[in-house]
Amino acid sequence: MPIYVYRNLTTGETFEVEQRMVDPALTADPVTGDPVKRLIQPVGIAFKGSGFYVTDSRGKNGVSASSNGAKPAAKREGDGAAAVTPPAASAGGGGSAAAASGAAAD
Protein backbone atom coordinates (compact mmCIF):
# COMPACT_ATOMS: atom_id res chain seq x y z
CA MET A 1 0.00 0.00 0.00
CA PRO A 2 1.20 3.53 -0.67
CA ILE A 3 2.38 5.81 2.10
CA TYR A 4 0.96 9.34 2.01
CA VAL A 5 2.49 12.37 3.73
CA TYR A 6 0.22 14.83 5.51
CA ARG A 7 0.92 18.22 7.11
CA ASN A 8 -0.92 19.41 10.19
CA LEU A 9 -2.16 22.90 9.26
CA THR A 10 -2.17 24.08 12.88
CA THR A 11 1.27 22.92 14.04
CA GLY A 12 3.06 22.49 10.68
CA GLU A 13 4.14 18.97 11.70
CA THR A 14 4.27 16.32 8.96
CA PHE A 15 3.39 12.65 9.35
CA GLU A 16 2.96 9.58 7.16
CA VAL A 17 -0.07 7.34 6.83
CA GLU A 18 -0.27 4.04 4.96
CA GLN A 19 -3.54 4.05 2.99
CA ARG A 20 -5.09 2.28 0.04
CA MET A 21 -5.35 4.36 -3.14
CA VAL A 22 -9.15 4.16 -3.08
CA ASP A 23 -9.37 5.47 0.51
CA PRO A 24 -10.33 9.16 0.81
CA ALA A 25 -7.64 11.60 1.94
CA LEU A 26 -7.57 12.45 5.64
CA THR A 27 -9.07 15.79 6.64
CA ALA A 28 -8.12 15.66 10.33
CA ASP A 29 -5.04 14.51 12.23
CA PRO A 30 -5.87 11.10 13.74
CA VAL A 31 -4.06 12.03 17.00
CA THR A 32 -4.97 15.69 17.62
CA GLY A 33 -8.00 16.23 15.37
CA ASP A 34 -6.39 19.31 13.74
CA PRO A 35 -7.05 19.92 10.02
CA VAL A 36 -4.47 18.34 7.68
CA LYS A 37 -3.49 18.57 4.03
CA ARG A 38 -2.00 15.75 1.93
CA LEU A 39 1.38 16.68 0.44
CA ILE A 40 2.59 15.65 -3.01
CA GLN A 41 5.85 13.72 -2.86
CA PRO A 42 8.37 13.18 -5.70
CA VAL A 43 8.61 9.79 -7.32
CA GLY A 44 11.38 7.57 -5.98
CA ILE A 45 12.66 6.49 -9.41
CA ALA A 46 14.32 8.39 -12.25
CA PHE A 47 14.93 7.04 -15.74
CA LYS A 48 18.00 8.52 -17.41
CA GLY A 49 19.65 7.82 -20.71
CA SER A 50 18.58 7.44 -24.30
CA GLY A 51 15.83 4.92 -23.61
CA PHE A 52 15.07 1.33 -22.86
CA TYR A 53 14.76 -1.48 -25.34
CA VAL A 54 13.38 -5.00 -25.36
CA THR A 55 16.97 -6.24 -25.64
CA ASP A 56 18.00 -4.53 -22.37
CA SER A 57 16.78 -7.48 -20.31
CA ARG A 58 19.09 -10.27 -19.30
CA GLY A 59 19.42 -13.32 -21.50
CA LYS A 60 19.27 -16.94 -20.38
CA ASN A 61 23.02 -17.04 -19.71
CA GLY A 62 22.89 -14.05 -17.31
CA VAL A 63 24.61 -11.63 -19.69
CA SER A 64 22.63 -8.58 -20.76
CA ALA A 65 21.58 -8.65 -24.40
CA SER A 66 22.99 -5.15 -24.98
CA SER A 67 26.51 -6.29 -24.04
CA ASN A 68 26.54 -9.21 -26.49
CA GLY A 69 26.02 -7.09 -29.63
CA ALA A 70 22.21 -7.16 -29.91
CA LYS A 71 20.58 -4.25 -31.73
CA PRO A 72 17.92 -2.02 -30.11
CA ALA A 73 14.24 -2.58 -30.87
CA ALA A 74 12.82 -0.86 -33.96
CA LYS A 75 10.89 2.38 -33.62
CA ARG A 76 7.11 1.99 -33.76
CA GLU A 77 5.02 3.94 -36.24
CA GLY A 78 3.57 7.09 -34.72
CA ASP A 79 6.03 7.08 -31.83
CA GLY A 80 7.20 10.66 -31.27
CA ALA A 81 10.59 9.61 -29.87
CA ALA A 82 13.60 9.50 -32.17
CA ALA A 83 15.24 6.13 -32.62
CA VAL A 84 18.72 5.88 -31.14
CA THR A 85 21.10 3.39 -32.72
CA PRO A 86 24.64 2.67 -31.53
CA PRO A 87 27.51 3.41 -33.93
CA ALA A 88 28.45 0.43 -36.09
CA ALA A 89 31.87 -1.10 -35.56
CA SER A 90 33.95 -1.91 -38.59
CA ALA A 91 34.68 -5.53 -39.49
CA GLY A 92 38.42 -4.94 -39.08
CA GLY A 93 37.97 -3.75 -35.51
CA GLY A 94 40.19 -0.72 -36.08
CA GLY A 95 37.84 2.27 -36.31
CA SER A 96 35.12 3.44 -38.63
CA ALA A 97 35.11 3.46 -42.44
CA ALA A 98 35.16 7.28 -42.44
CA ALA A 99 38.31 7.30 -40.31
CA ALA A 100 39.93 4.74 -42.61
CA SER A 101 39.11 6.74 -45.74
CA GLY A 102 40.35 9.92 -44.03
CA ALA A 103 43.65 8.25 -43.19
CA ALA A 104 44.04 7.10 -46.80
CA ALA A 105 43.48 10.65 -48.08
CA ASP A 106 46.48 12.00 -46.12
PDB file of N, CA and C in Angstrom:
ATOM      1  N   MET A   1       0.841  -1.180   0.000  1.00  0.00           N
ATOM      2  CA  MET A   1       0.000   0.000   0.000  1.00  0.00           C
ATOM      3  C   MET A   1       0.884   1.240   0.000  1.00  0.00           C
ATOM      4  N   PRO A   2       0.411   2.291  -0.645  1.00  0.00           N
ATOM      5  CA  PRO A   2       1.199   3.528  -0.672  1.00  0.00           C
ATOM      6  C   PRO A   2       1.206   4.237   0.687  1.00  0.00           C
ATOM      7  N   ILE A   3       2.254   5.001   0.885  1.00  0.00           N
ATOM      8  CA  ILE A   3       2.384   5.807   2.095  1.00  0.00           C
ATOM      9  C   ILE A   3       2.206   7.262   1.686  1.00  0.00           C
ATOM     10  N   TYR A   4       1.245   7.938   2.308  1.00  0.00           N
ATOM     11  CA  TYR A   4       0.963   9.338   2.009  1.00  0.00           C
ATOM     12  C   TYR A   4       1.495  10.216   3.127  1.00  0.00           C
ATOM     13  N   VAL A   5       1.963  11.415   2.758  1.00  0.00           N
ATOM     14  CA  VAL A   5       2.490  12.367   3.726  1.00  0.00           C
ATOM     15  C   VAL A   5       1.463  13.479   3.910  1.00  0.00           C
ATOM     16  N   TYR A   6       1.177  13.784   5.156  1.00  0.00           N
ATOM     17  CA  TYR A   6       0.220  14.833   5.506  1.00  0.00           C
ATOM     18  C   TYR A   6       0.916  15.884   6.354  1.00  0.00           C
ATOM     19  N   ARG A   7       0.419  17.135   6.265  1.00  0.00           N
ATOM     20  CA  ARG A   7       0.920  18.223   7.110  1.00  0.00           C
ATOM     21  C   ARG A   7      -0.228  18.736   7.968  1.00  0.00           C
ATOM     22  N   ASN A   8       0.044  18.831   9.257  1.00  0.00           N
ATOM     23  CA  ASN A   8      -0.915  19.406  10.195  1.00  0.00           C
ATOM     24  C   ASN A   8      -0.926  20.914   9.954  1.00  0.00           C
ATOM     25  N   LEU A   9      -2.075  21.480   9.593  1.00  0.00           N
ATOM     26  CA  LEU A   9      -2.159  22.900   9.257  1.00  0.00           C
ATOM     27  C   LEU A   9      -2.054  23.805  10.482  1.00  0.00           C
ATOM     28  N   THR A  10      -2.269  23.280  11.660  1.00  0.00           N
ATOM     29  CA  THR A  10      -2.165  24.076  12.876  1.00  0.00           C
ATOM     30  C   THR A  10      -0.732  24.129  13.381  1.00  0.00           C
ATOM     31  N   THR A  11      -0.075  22.976  13.466  1.00  0.00           N
ATOM     32  CA  THR A  11       1.271  22.923  14.040  1.00  0.00           C
ATOM     33  C   THR A  11       2.374  22.916  12.979  1.00  0.00           C
ATOM     34  N   GLY A  12       2.056  22.568  11.728  1.00  0.00           N
ATOM     35  CA  GLY A  12       3.063  22.490  10.677  1.00  0.00           C
ATOM     36  C   GLY A  12       3.820  21.172  10.671  1.00  0.00           C
ATOM     37  N   GLU A  13       3.492  20.267  11.600  1.00  0.00           N
ATOM     38  CA  GLU A  13       4.144  18.969  11.703  1.00  0.00           C
ATOM     39  C   GLU A  13       3.689  18.076  10.544  1.00  0.00           C
ATOM     40  N   THR A  14       4.622  17.267  10.022  1.00  0.00           N
ATOM     41  CA  THR A  14       4.269  16.318   8.958  1.00  0.00           C
ATOM     42  C   THR A  14       4.284  14.906   9.511  1.00  0.00           C
ATOM     43  N   PHE A  15       3.432  14.039   8.945  1.00  0.00           N
ATOM     44  CA  PHE A  15       3.392  12.646   9.352  1.00  0.00           C
ATOM     45  C   PHE A  15       2.973  11.802   8.155  1.00  0.00           C
ATOM     46  N   GLU A  16       3.262  10.520   8.239  1.00  0.00           N
ATOM     47  CA  GLU A  16       2.959   9.585   7.163  1.00  0.00           C
ATOM     48  C   GLU A  16       1.844   8.638   7.579  1.00  0.00           C
ATOM     49  N   VAL A  17       1.011   8.291   6.589  1.00  0.00           N
ATOM     50  CA  VAL A  17      -0.070   7.341   6.826  1.00  0.00           C
ATOM     51  C   VAL A  17      -0.090   6.359   5.672  1.00  0.00           C
ATOM     52  N   GLU A  18      -0.157   5.069   5.988  1.00  0.00           N
ATOM     53  CA  GLU A  18      -0.269   4.036   4.960  1.00  0.00           C
ATOM     54  C   GLU A  18      -1.752   3.843   4.662  1.00  0.00           C
ATOM     55  N   GLN A  19      -2.141   4.135   3.403  1.00  0.00           N
ATOM     56  CA  GLN A  19      -3.537   4.049   2.992  1.00  0.00           C
ATOM     57  C   GLN A  19      -3.646   3.369   1.646  1.00  0.00           C
ATOM     58  N   ARG A  20      -4.810   2.802   1.383  1.00  0.00           N
ATOM     59  CA  ARG A  20      -5.091   2.282   0.042  1.00  0.00           C
ATOM     60  C   ARG A  20      -5.350   3.466  -0.883  1.00  0.00           C
ATOM     61  N   MET A  21      -5.129   3.282  -2.181  1.00  0.00           N
ATOM     62  CA  MET A  21      -5.349   4.358  -3.144  1.00  0.00           C
ATOM     63  C   MET A  21      -6.811   4.780  -3.220  1.00  0.00           C
ATOM     64  N   VAL A  22      -7.722   3.853  -2.975  1.00  0.00           N
ATOM     65  CA  VAL A  22      -9.146   4.161  -3.078  1.00  0.00           C
ATOM     66  C   VAL A  22      -9.700   4.810  -1.812  1.00  0.00           C
ATOM     67  N   ASP A  23      -8.929   4.822  -0.723  1.00  0.00           N
ATOM     68  CA  ASP A  23      -9.375   5.467   0.505  1.00  0.00           C
ATOM     69  C   ASP A  23      -9.358   6.979   0.321  1.00  0.00           C
ATOM     70  N   PRO A  24     -10.337   7.685   0.906  1.00  0.00           N
ATOM     71  CA  PRO A  24     -10.334   9.156   0.806  1.00  0.00           C
ATOM     72  C   PRO A  24      -9.187   9.748   1.631  1.00  0.00           C
ATOM     73  N   ALA A  25      -8.725  10.925   1.223  1.00  0.00           N
ATOM     74  CA  ALA A  25      -7.644  11.604   1.943  1.00  0.00           C
ATOM     75  C   ALA A  25      -8.137  12.028   3.323  1.00  0.00           C
ATOM     76  N   LEU A  26      -7.218  12.017   4.283  1.00  0.00           N
ATOM     77  CA  LEU A  26      -7.573  12.448   5.636  1.00  0.00           C
ATOM     78  C   LEU A  26      -7.862  13.946   5.634  1.00  0.00           C
ATOM     79  N   THR A  27      -8.788  14.362   6.477  1.00  0.00           N
ATOM     80  CA  THR A  27      -9.074  15.791   6.637  1.00  0.00           C
ATOM     81  C   THR A  27      -8.696  16.268   8.033  1.00  0.00           C
ATOM     82  N   ALA A  28      -8.487  15.314   8.955  1.00  0.00           N
ATOM     83  CA  ALA A  28      -8.123  15.661  10.333  1.00  0.00           C
ATOM     84  C   ALA A  28      -7.000  14.743  10.801  1.00  0.00           C
ATOM     85  N   ASP A  29      -6.132  15.292  11.643  1.00  0.00           N
ATOM     86  CA  ASP A  29      -5.043  14.513  12.228  1.00  0.00           C
ATOM     87  C   ASP A  29      -5.656  13.436  13.126  1.00  0.00           C
ATOM     88  N   PRO A  30      -5.275  12.160  12.934  1.00  0.00           N
ATOM     89  CA  PRO A  30      -5.873  11.102  13.742  1.00  0.00           C
ATOM     90  C   PRO A  30      -5.533  11.208  15.237  1.00  0.00           C
ATOM     91  N   VAL A  31      -4.457  11.917  15.583  1.00  0.00           N
ATOM     92  CA  VAL A  31      -4.057  12.027  16.995  1.00  0.00           C
ATOM     93  C   VAL A  31      -4.674  13.264  17.643  1.00  0.00           C
ATOM     94  N   THR A  32      -4.535  14.432  16.993  1.00  0.00           N
ATOM     95  CA  THR A  32      -4.967  15.688  17.617  1.00  0.00           C
ATOM     96  C   THR A  32      -6.318  16.182  17.118  1.00  0.00           C
ATOM     97  N   GLY A  33      -6.745  15.754  15.940  1.00  0.00           N
ATOM     98  CA  GLY A  33      -7.999  16.233  15.373  1.00  0.00           C
ATOM     99  C   GLY A  33      -7.853  17.530  14.600  1.00  0.00           C
ATOM    100  N   ASP A  34      -6.628  18.076  14.498  1.00  0.00           N
ATOM    101  CA  ASP A  34      -6.392  19.313  13.743  1.00  0.00           C
ATOM    102  C   ASP A  34      -6.582  19.062  12.249  1.00  0.00           C
ATOM    103  N   PRO A  35      -6.916  20.094  11.472  1.00  0.00           N
ATOM    104  CA  PRO A  35      -7.048  19.917  10.020  1.00  0.00           C
ATOM    105  C   PRO A  35      -5.690  19.611   9.378  1.00  0.00           C
ATOM    106  N   VAL A  36      -5.703  18.738   8.356  1.00  0.00           N
ATOM    107  CA  VAL A  36      -4.467  18.336   7.675  1.00  0.00           C
ATOM    108  C   VAL A  36      -4.643  18.476   6.169  1.00  0.00           C
ATOM    109  N   LYS A  37      -3.517  18.512   5.487  1.00  0.00           N
ATOM    110  CA  LYS A  37      -3.493  18.569   4.028  1.00  0.00           C
ATOM    111  C   LYS A  37      -2.509  17.527   3.538  1.00  0.00           C
ATOM    112  N   ARG A  38      -2.905  16.756   2.492  1.00  0.00           N
ATOM    113  CA  ARG A  38      -2.003  15.749   1.933  1.00  0.00           C
ATOM    114  C   ARG A  38      -0.978  16.451   1.054  1.00  0.00           C
ATOM    115  N   LEU A  39       0.297  16.084   1.203  1.00  0.00           N
ATOM    116  CA  LEU A  39       1.383  16.680   0.439  1.00  0.00           C
ATOM    117  C   LEU A  39       1.748  15.779  -0.739  1.00  0.00           C
ATOM    118  N   ILE A  40       2.128  16.389  -1.830  1.00  0.00           N
ATOM    119  CA  ILE A  40       2.588  15.650  -3.008  1.00  0.00           C
ATOM    120  C   ILE A  40       4.071  15.378  -2.828  1.00  0.00           C
ATOM    121  N   GLN A  41       4.454  14.132  -3.018  1.00  0.00           N
ATOM    122  CA  GLN A  41       5.846  13.720  -2.862  1.00  0.00           C
ATOM    123  C   GLN A  41       6.436  13.346  -4.216  1.00  0.00           C
ATOM    124  N   PRO A  42       7.737  13.578  -4.435  1.00  0.00           N
ATOM    125  CA  PRO A  42       8.373  13.184  -5.705  1.00  0.00           C
ATOM    126  C   PRO A  42       8.447  11.665  -5.825  1.00  0.00           C
ATOM    127  N   VAL A  43       8.503  11.206  -7.043  1.00  0.00           N
ATOM    128  CA  VAL A  43       8.606   9.785  -7.322  1.00  0.00           C
ATOM    129  C   VAL A  43      10.001   9.303  -6.953  1.00  0.00           C
ATOM    130  N   GLY A  44      10.103   8.100  -6.445  1.00  0.00           N
ATOM    131  CA  GLY A  44      11.378   7.570  -5.980  1.00  0.00           C
ATOM    132  C   GLY A  44      12.195   6.886  -7.052  1.00  0.00           C
ATOM    133  N   ILE A  45      11.914   7.129  -8.327  1.00  0.00           N
ATOM    134  CA  ILE A  45      12.658   6.492  -9.406  1.00  0.00           C
ATOM    135  C   ILE A  45      12.857   7.513 -10.525  1.00  0.00           C
ATOM    136  N   ALA A  46      14.027   7.478 -11.147  1.00  0.00           N
ATOM    137  CA  ALA A  46      14.323   8.387 -12.252  1.00  0.00           C
ATOM    138  C   ALA A  46      14.953   7.588 -13.385  1.00  0.00           C
ATOM    139  N   PHE A  47      14.392   7.705 -14.573  1.00  0.00           N
ATOM    140  CA  PHE A  47      14.935   7.037 -15.741  1.00  0.00           C
ATOM    141  C   PHE A  47      15.829   8.023 -16.481  1.00  0.00           C
ATOM    142  N   LYS A  48      17.065   7.661 -16.701  1.00  0.00           N
ATOM    143  CA  LYS A  48      18.003   8.523 -17.405  1.00  0.00           C
ATOM    144  C   LYS A  48      18.588   7.758 -18.575  1.00  0.00           C
ATOM    145  N   GLY A  49      19.030   8.465 -19.557  1.00  0.00           N
ATOM    146  CA  GLY A  49      19.647   7.824 -20.706  1.00  0.00           C
ATOM    147  C   GLY A  49      18.813   7.980 -21.961  1.00  0.00           C
ATOM    148  N   SER A  50      19.214   7.287 -22.997  1.00  0.00           N
ATOM    149  CA  SER A  50      18.577   7.438 -24.301  1.00  0.00           C
ATOM    150  C   SER A  50      17.314   6.623 -24.436  1.00  0.00           C
ATOM    151  N   GLY A  51      17.051   5.710 -23.543  1.00  0.00           N
ATOM    152  CA  GLY A  51      15.826   4.922 -23.607  1.00  0.00           C
ATOM    153  C   GLY A  51      16.065   3.485 -23.217  1.00  0.00           C
ATOM    154  N   PHE A  52      15.007   2.724 -23.236  1.00  0.00           N
ATOM    155  CA  PHE A  52      15.065   1.329 -22.859  1.00  0.00           C
ATOM    156  C   PHE A  52      14.528   0.496 -24.002  1.00  0.00           C
ATOM    157  N   TYR A  53      15.119  -0.629 -24.231  1.00  0.00           N
ATOM    158  CA  TYR A  53      14.763  -1.484 -25.345  1.00  0.00           C
ATOM    159  C   TYR A  53      14.403  -2.877 -24.843  1.00  0.00           C
ATOM    160  N   VAL A  54      13.739  -3.625 -25.689  1.00  0.00           N
ATOM    161  CA  VAL A  54      13.384  -4.996 -25.362  1.00  0.00           C
ATOM    162  C   VAL A  54      14.649  -5.803 -25.086  1.00  0.00           C
ATOM    163  N   THR A  55      15.726  -5.484 -25.771  1.00  0.00           N
ATOM    164  CA  THR A  55      16.971  -6.243 -25.644  1.00  0.00           C
ATOM    165  C   THR A  55      17.765  -5.870 -24.395  1.00  0.00           C
ATOM    166  N   ASP A  56      17.280  -4.919 -23.580  1.00  0.00           N
ATOM    167  CA  ASP A  56      18.003  -4.533 -22.375  1.00  0.00           C
ATOM    168  C   ASP A  56      17.875  -5.558 -21.260  1.00  0.00           C
ATOM    169  N   SER A  57      16.946  -6.488 -21.366  1.00  0.00           N
ATOM    170  CA  SER A  57      16.781  -7.479 -20.307  1.00  0.00           C
ATOM    171  C   SER A  57      17.878  -8.536 -20.398  1.00  0.00           C
ATOM    172  N   ARG A  58      18.052  -9.249 -19.340  1.00  0.00           N
ATOM    173  CA  ARG A  58      19.094 -10.274 -19.297  1.00  0.00           C
ATOM    174  C   ARG A  58      18.681 -11.488 -20.105  1.00  0.00           C
ATOM    175  N   GLY A  59      19.661 -12.102 -20.737  1.00  0.00           N
ATOM    176  CA  GLY A  59      19.424 -13.315 -21.501  1.00  0.00           C
ATOM    177  C   GLY A  59      19.431 -14.530 -20.593  1.00  0.00           C
ATOM    178  N   LYS A  60      19.310 -15.705 -21.161  1.00  0.00           N
ATOM    179  CA  LYS A  60      19.269 -16.941 -20.377  1.00  0.00           C
ATOM    180  C   LYS A  60      20.599 -17.226 -19.698  1.00  0.00           C
ATOM    181  N   ASN A  61      21.711 -16.760 -20.284  1.00  0.00           N
ATOM    182  CA  ASN A  61      23.023 -17.045 -19.712  1.00  0.00           C
ATOM    183  C   ASN A  61      23.459 -16.005 -18.677  1.00  0.00           C
ATOM    184  N   GLY A  62      22.579 -15.031 -18.337  1.00  0.00           N
ATOM    185  CA  GLY A  62      22.889 -14.048 -17.310  1.00  0.00           C
ATOM    186  C   GLY A  62      23.620 -12.828 -17.824  1.00  0.00           C
ATOM    187  N   VAL A  63      23.932 -12.780 -19.111  1.00  0.00           N
ATOM    188  CA  VAL A  63      24.608 -11.628 -19.693  1.00  0.00           C
ATOM    189  C   VAL A  63      23.550 -10.763 -20.358  1.00  0.00           C
ATOM    190  N   SER A  64      23.635  -9.445 -20.157  1.00  0.00           N
ATOM    191  CA  SER A  64      22.626  -8.580 -20.764  1.00  0.00           C
ATOM    192  C   SER A  64      22.749  -8.636 -22.279  1.00  0.00           C
ATOM    193  N   ALA A  65      21.610  -8.544 -22.945  1.00  0.00           N
ATOM    194  CA  ALA A  65      21.580  -8.647 -24.402  1.00  0.00           C
ATOM    195  C   ALA A  65      22.309  -7.475 -25.047  1.00  0.00           C
ATOM    196  N   SER A  66      22.331  -6.303 -24.391  1.00  0.00           N
ATOM    197  CA  SER A  66      22.994  -5.151 -24.983  1.00  0.00           C
ATOM    198  C   SER A  66      24.516  -5.312 -24.985  1.00  0.00           C
ATOM    199  N   SER A  67      25.067  -6.122 -24.078  1.00  0.00           N
ATOM    200  CA  SER A  67      26.514  -6.292 -24.043  1.00  0.00           C
ATOM    201  C   SER A  67      27.005  -7.374 -25.003  1.00  0.00           C
ATOM    202  N   ASN A  68      26.098  -8.171 -25.571  1.00  0.00           N
ATOM    203  CA  ASN A  68      26.543  -9.208 -26.489  1.00  0.00           C
ATOM    204  C   ASN A  68      26.281  -8.839 -27.946  1.00  0.00           C
ATOM    205  N   GLY A  69      26.105  -7.546 -28.247  1.00  0.00           N
ATOM    206  CA  GLY A  69      26.016  -7.088 -29.626  1.00  0.00           C
ATOM    207  C   GLY A  69      24.615  -7.043 -30.203  1.00  0.00           C
ATOM    208  N   ALA A  70      23.574  -7.210 -29.399  1.00  0.00           N
ATOM    209  CA  ALA A  70      22.208  -7.155 -29.909  1.00  0.00           C
ATOM    210  C   ALA A  70      21.859  -5.719 -30.283  1.00  0.00           C
ATOM    211  N   LYS A  71      20.988  -5.573 -31.276  1.00  0.00           N
ATOM    212  CA  LYS A  71      20.577  -4.246 -31.726  1.00  0.00           C
ATOM    213  C   LYS A  71      19.327  -3.819 -30.967  1.00  0.00           C
ATOM    214  N   PRO A  72      19.103  -2.488 -30.812  1.00  0.00           N
ATOM    215  CA  PRO A  72      17.915  -2.024 -30.115  1.00  0.00           C
ATOM    216  C   PRO A  72      16.652  -2.305 -30.922  1.00  0.00           C
ATOM    217  N   ALA A  73      15.523  -2.319 -30.217  1.00  0.00           N
ATOM    218  CA  ALA A  73      14.241  -2.577 -30.867  1.00  0.00           C
ATOM    219  C   ALA A  73      13.918  -1.470 -31.864  1.00  0.00           C
ATOM    220  N   ALA A  74      13.176  -1.819 -32.922  1.00  0.00           N
ATOM    221  CA  ALA A  74      12.817  -0.857 -33.959  1.00  0.00           C
ATOM    222  C   ALA A  74      11.805   0.143 -33.426  1.00  0.00           C
ATOM    223  N   LYS A  75      11.823   1.337 -34.000  1.00  0.00           N
ATOM    224  CA  LYS A  75      10.892   2.383 -33.625  1.00  0.00           C
ATOM    225  C   LYS A  75       9.513   2.040 -34.158  1.00  0.00           C
ATOM    226  N   ARG A  76       8.478   2.248 -33.341  1.00  0.00           N
ATOM    227  CA  ARG A  76       7.114   1.991 -33.763  1.00  0.00           C
ATOM    228  C   ARG A  76       6.590   3.160 -34.571  1.00  0.00           C
ATOM    229  N   GLU A  77       5.668   2.898 -35.465  1.00  0.00           N
ATOM    230  CA  GLU A  77       5.018   3.943 -36.245  1.00  0.00           C
ATOM    231  C   GLU A  77       4.236   4.842 -35.305  1.00  0.00           C
ATOM    232  N   GLY A  78       4.323   6.150 -35.528  1.00  0.00           N
ATOM    233  CA  GLY A  78       3.570   7.089 -34.721  1.00  0.00           C
ATOM    234  C   GLY A  78       4.217   7.408 -33.397  1.00  0.00           C
ATOM    235  N   ASP A  79       5.332   6.801 -33.079  1.00  0.00           N
ATOM    236  CA  ASP A  79       6.029   7.076 -31.835  1.00  0.00           C
ATOM    237  C   ASP A  79       6.786   8.386 -32.007  1.00  0.00           C
ATOM    238  N   GLY A  80       6.582   9.345 -31.127  1.00  0.00           N
ATOM    239  CA  GLY A  80       7.197  10.662 -31.265  1.00  0.00           C
ATOM    240  C   GLY A  80       8.672  10.677 -30.929  1.00  0.00           C
ATOM    241  N   ALA A  81       9.180   9.636 -30.281  1.00  0.00           N
ATOM    242  CA  ALA A  81      10.588   9.608 -29.873  1.00  0.00           C
ATOM    243  C   ALA A  81      11.475   9.219 -31.055  1.00  0.00           C
ATOM    244  N   ALA A  82      12.641   9.826 -31.118  1.00  0.00           N
ATOM    245  CA  ALA A  82      13.596   9.495 -32.174  1.00  0.00           C
ATOM    246  C   ALA A  82      14.297   8.194 -31.832  1.00  0.00           C
ATOM    247  N   ALA A  83      14.540   7.394 -32.838  1.00  0.00           N
ATOM    248  CA  ALA A  83      15.236   6.126 -32.623  1.00  0.00           C
ATOM    249  C   ALA A  83      16.715   6.394 -32.401  1.00  0.00           C
ATOM    250  N   VAL A  84      17.308   5.719 -31.441  1.00  0.00           N
ATOM    251  CA  VAL A  84      18.725   5.875 -31.142  1.00  0.00           C
ATOM    252  C   VAL A  84      19.398   4.559 -31.469  1.00  0.00           C
ATOM    253  N   THR A  85      20.386   4.609 -32.364  1.00  0.00           N
ATOM    254  CA  THR A  85      21.104   3.395 -32.715  1.00  0.00           C
ATOM    255  C   THR A  85      22.569   3.578 -32.381  1.00  0.00           C
ATOM    256  N   PRO A  86      23.215   2.558 -31.863  1.00  0.00           N
ATOM    257  CA  PRO A  86      24.637   2.673 -31.531  1.00  0.00           C
ATOM    258  C   PRO A  86      25.472   2.724 -32.797  1.00  0.00           C
ATOM    259  N   PRO A  87      26.653   3.364 -32.747  1.00  0.00           N
ATOM    260  CA  PRO A  87      27.507   3.406 -33.934  1.00  0.00           C
ATOM    261  C   PRO A  87      27.961   2.006 -34.313  1.00  0.00           C
ATOM    262  N   ALA A  88      28.043   1.754 -35.600  1.00  0.00           N
ATOM    263  CA  ALA A  88      28.450   0.432 -36.089  1.00  0.00           C
ATOM    264  C   ALA A  88      29.966   0.298 -36.033  1.00  0.00           C
ATOM    265  N   ALA A  89      30.430  -0.830 -35.600  1.00  0.00           N
ATOM    266  CA  ALA A  89      31.867  -1.100 -35.557  1.00  0.00           C
ATOM    267  C   ALA A  89      32.285  -1.697 -36.897  1.00  0.00           C
ATOM    268  N   SER A  90      33.482  -1.378 -37.321  1.00  0.00           N
ATOM    269  CA  SER A  90      33.951  -1.915 -38.594  1.00  0.00           C
ATOM    270  C   SER A  90      34.334  -3.378 -38.436  1.00  0.00           C
ATOM    271  N   ALA A  91      34.357  -4.103 -39.538  1.00  0.00           N
ATOM    272  CA  ALA A  91      34.683  -5.528 -39.494  1.00  0.00           C
ATOM    273  C   ALA A  91      36.129  -5.750 -39.085  1.00  0.00           C
ATOM    274  N   GLY A  92      37.009  -4.793 -39.415  1.00  0.00           N
ATOM    275  CA  GLY A  92      38.416  -4.942 -39.077  1.00  0.00           C
ATOM    276  C   GLY A  92      38.717  -4.666 -37.627  1.00  0.00           C
ATOM    277  N   GLY A  93      37.775  -4.018 -36.930  1.00  0.00           N
ATOM    278  CA  GLY A  93      37.972  -3.749 -35.511  1.00  0.00           C
ATOM    279  C   GLY A  93      38.895  -2.577 -35.261  1.00  0.00           C
ATOM    280  N   GLY A  94      39.260  -1.818 -36.278  1.00  0.00           N
ATOM    281  CA  GLY A  94      40.195  -0.719 -36.080  1.00  0.00           C
ATOM    282  C   GLY A  94      39.611   0.620 -36.458  1.00  0.00           C
ATOM    283  N   GLY A  95      38.410   0.966 -36.029  1.00  0.00           N
ATOM    284  CA  GLY A  95      37.841   2.271 -36.312  1.00  0.00           C
ATOM    285  C   GLY A  95      36.773   2.216 -37.360  1.00  0.00           C
ATOM    286  N   SER A  96      36.230   3.377 -37.682  1.00  0.00           N
ATOM    287  CA  SER A  96      35.115   3.436 -38.633  1.00  0.00           C
ATOM    288  C   SER A  96      35.636   3.555 -40.065  1.00  0.00           C
ATOM    289  N   ALA A  97      34.749   3.364 -41.022  1.00  0.00           N
ATOM    290  CA  ALA A  97      35.108   3.458 -42.438  1.00  0.00           C
ATOM    291  C   ALA A  97      35.495   4.892 -42.789  1.00  0.00           C
ATOM    292  N   ALA A  98      34.827   5.884 -42.155  1.00  0.00           N
ATOM    293  CA  ALA A  98      35.160   7.285 -42.437  1.00  0.00           C
ATOM    294  C   ALA A  98      36.565   7.608 -41.952  1.00  0.00           C
ATOM    295  N   ALA A  99      36.959   7.073 -40.817  1.00  0.00           N
ATOM    296  CA  ALA A  99      38.311   7.296 -40.312  1.00  0.00           C
ATOM    297  C   ALA A  99      39.329   6.628 -41.218  1.00  0.00           C
ATOM    298  N   ALA A 100      39.010   5.443 -41.735  1.00  0.00           N
ATOM    299  CA  ALA A 100      39.933   4.738 -42.611  1.00  0.00           C
ATOM    300  C   ALA A 100      40.102   5.480 -43.925  1.00  0.00           C
ATOM    301  N   SER A 101      39.004   6.024 -44.480  1.00  0.00           N
ATOM    302  CA  SER A 101      39.108   6.745 -45.740  1.00  0.00           C
ATOM    303  C   SER A 101      39.820   8.070 -45.527  1.00  0.00           C
ATOM    304  N   GLY A 102      39.651   8.679 -44.331  1.00  0.00           N
ATOM    305  CA  GLY A 102      40.348   9.923 -44.028  1.00  0.00           C
ATOM    306  C   GLY A 102      41.849   9.701 -43.884  1.00  0.00           C
ATOM    307  N   ALA A 103      42.233   8.566 -43.340  1.00  0.00           N
ATOM    308  CA  ALA A 103      43.652   8.249 -43.190  1.00  0.00           C
ATOM    309  C   ALA A 103      44.279   7.983 -44.543  1.00  0.00           C
ATOM    310  N   ALA A 104      43.516   7.396 -45.488  1.00  0.00           N
ATOM    311  CA  ALA A 104      44.040   7.104 -46.803  1.00  0.00           C
ATOM    312  C   ALA A 104      44.200   8.377 -47.625  1.00  0.00           C
ATOM    313  N   ALA A 105      43.395   9.417 -47.316  1.00  0.00           N
ATOM    314  CA  ALA A 105      43.475  10.654 -48.078  1.00  0.00           C
ATOM    315  C   ALA A 105      44.682  11.475 -47.703  1.00  0.00           C
ATOM    316  N   ASP A 106      45.323  11.226 -46.570  1.00  0.00           N
ATOM    317  CA  ASP A 106      46.483  12.003 -46.118  1.00  0.00           C
ATOM    318  C   ASP A 106      47.699  11.763 -46.933  1.00  0.00           C
TER     319      ASP A 106
END
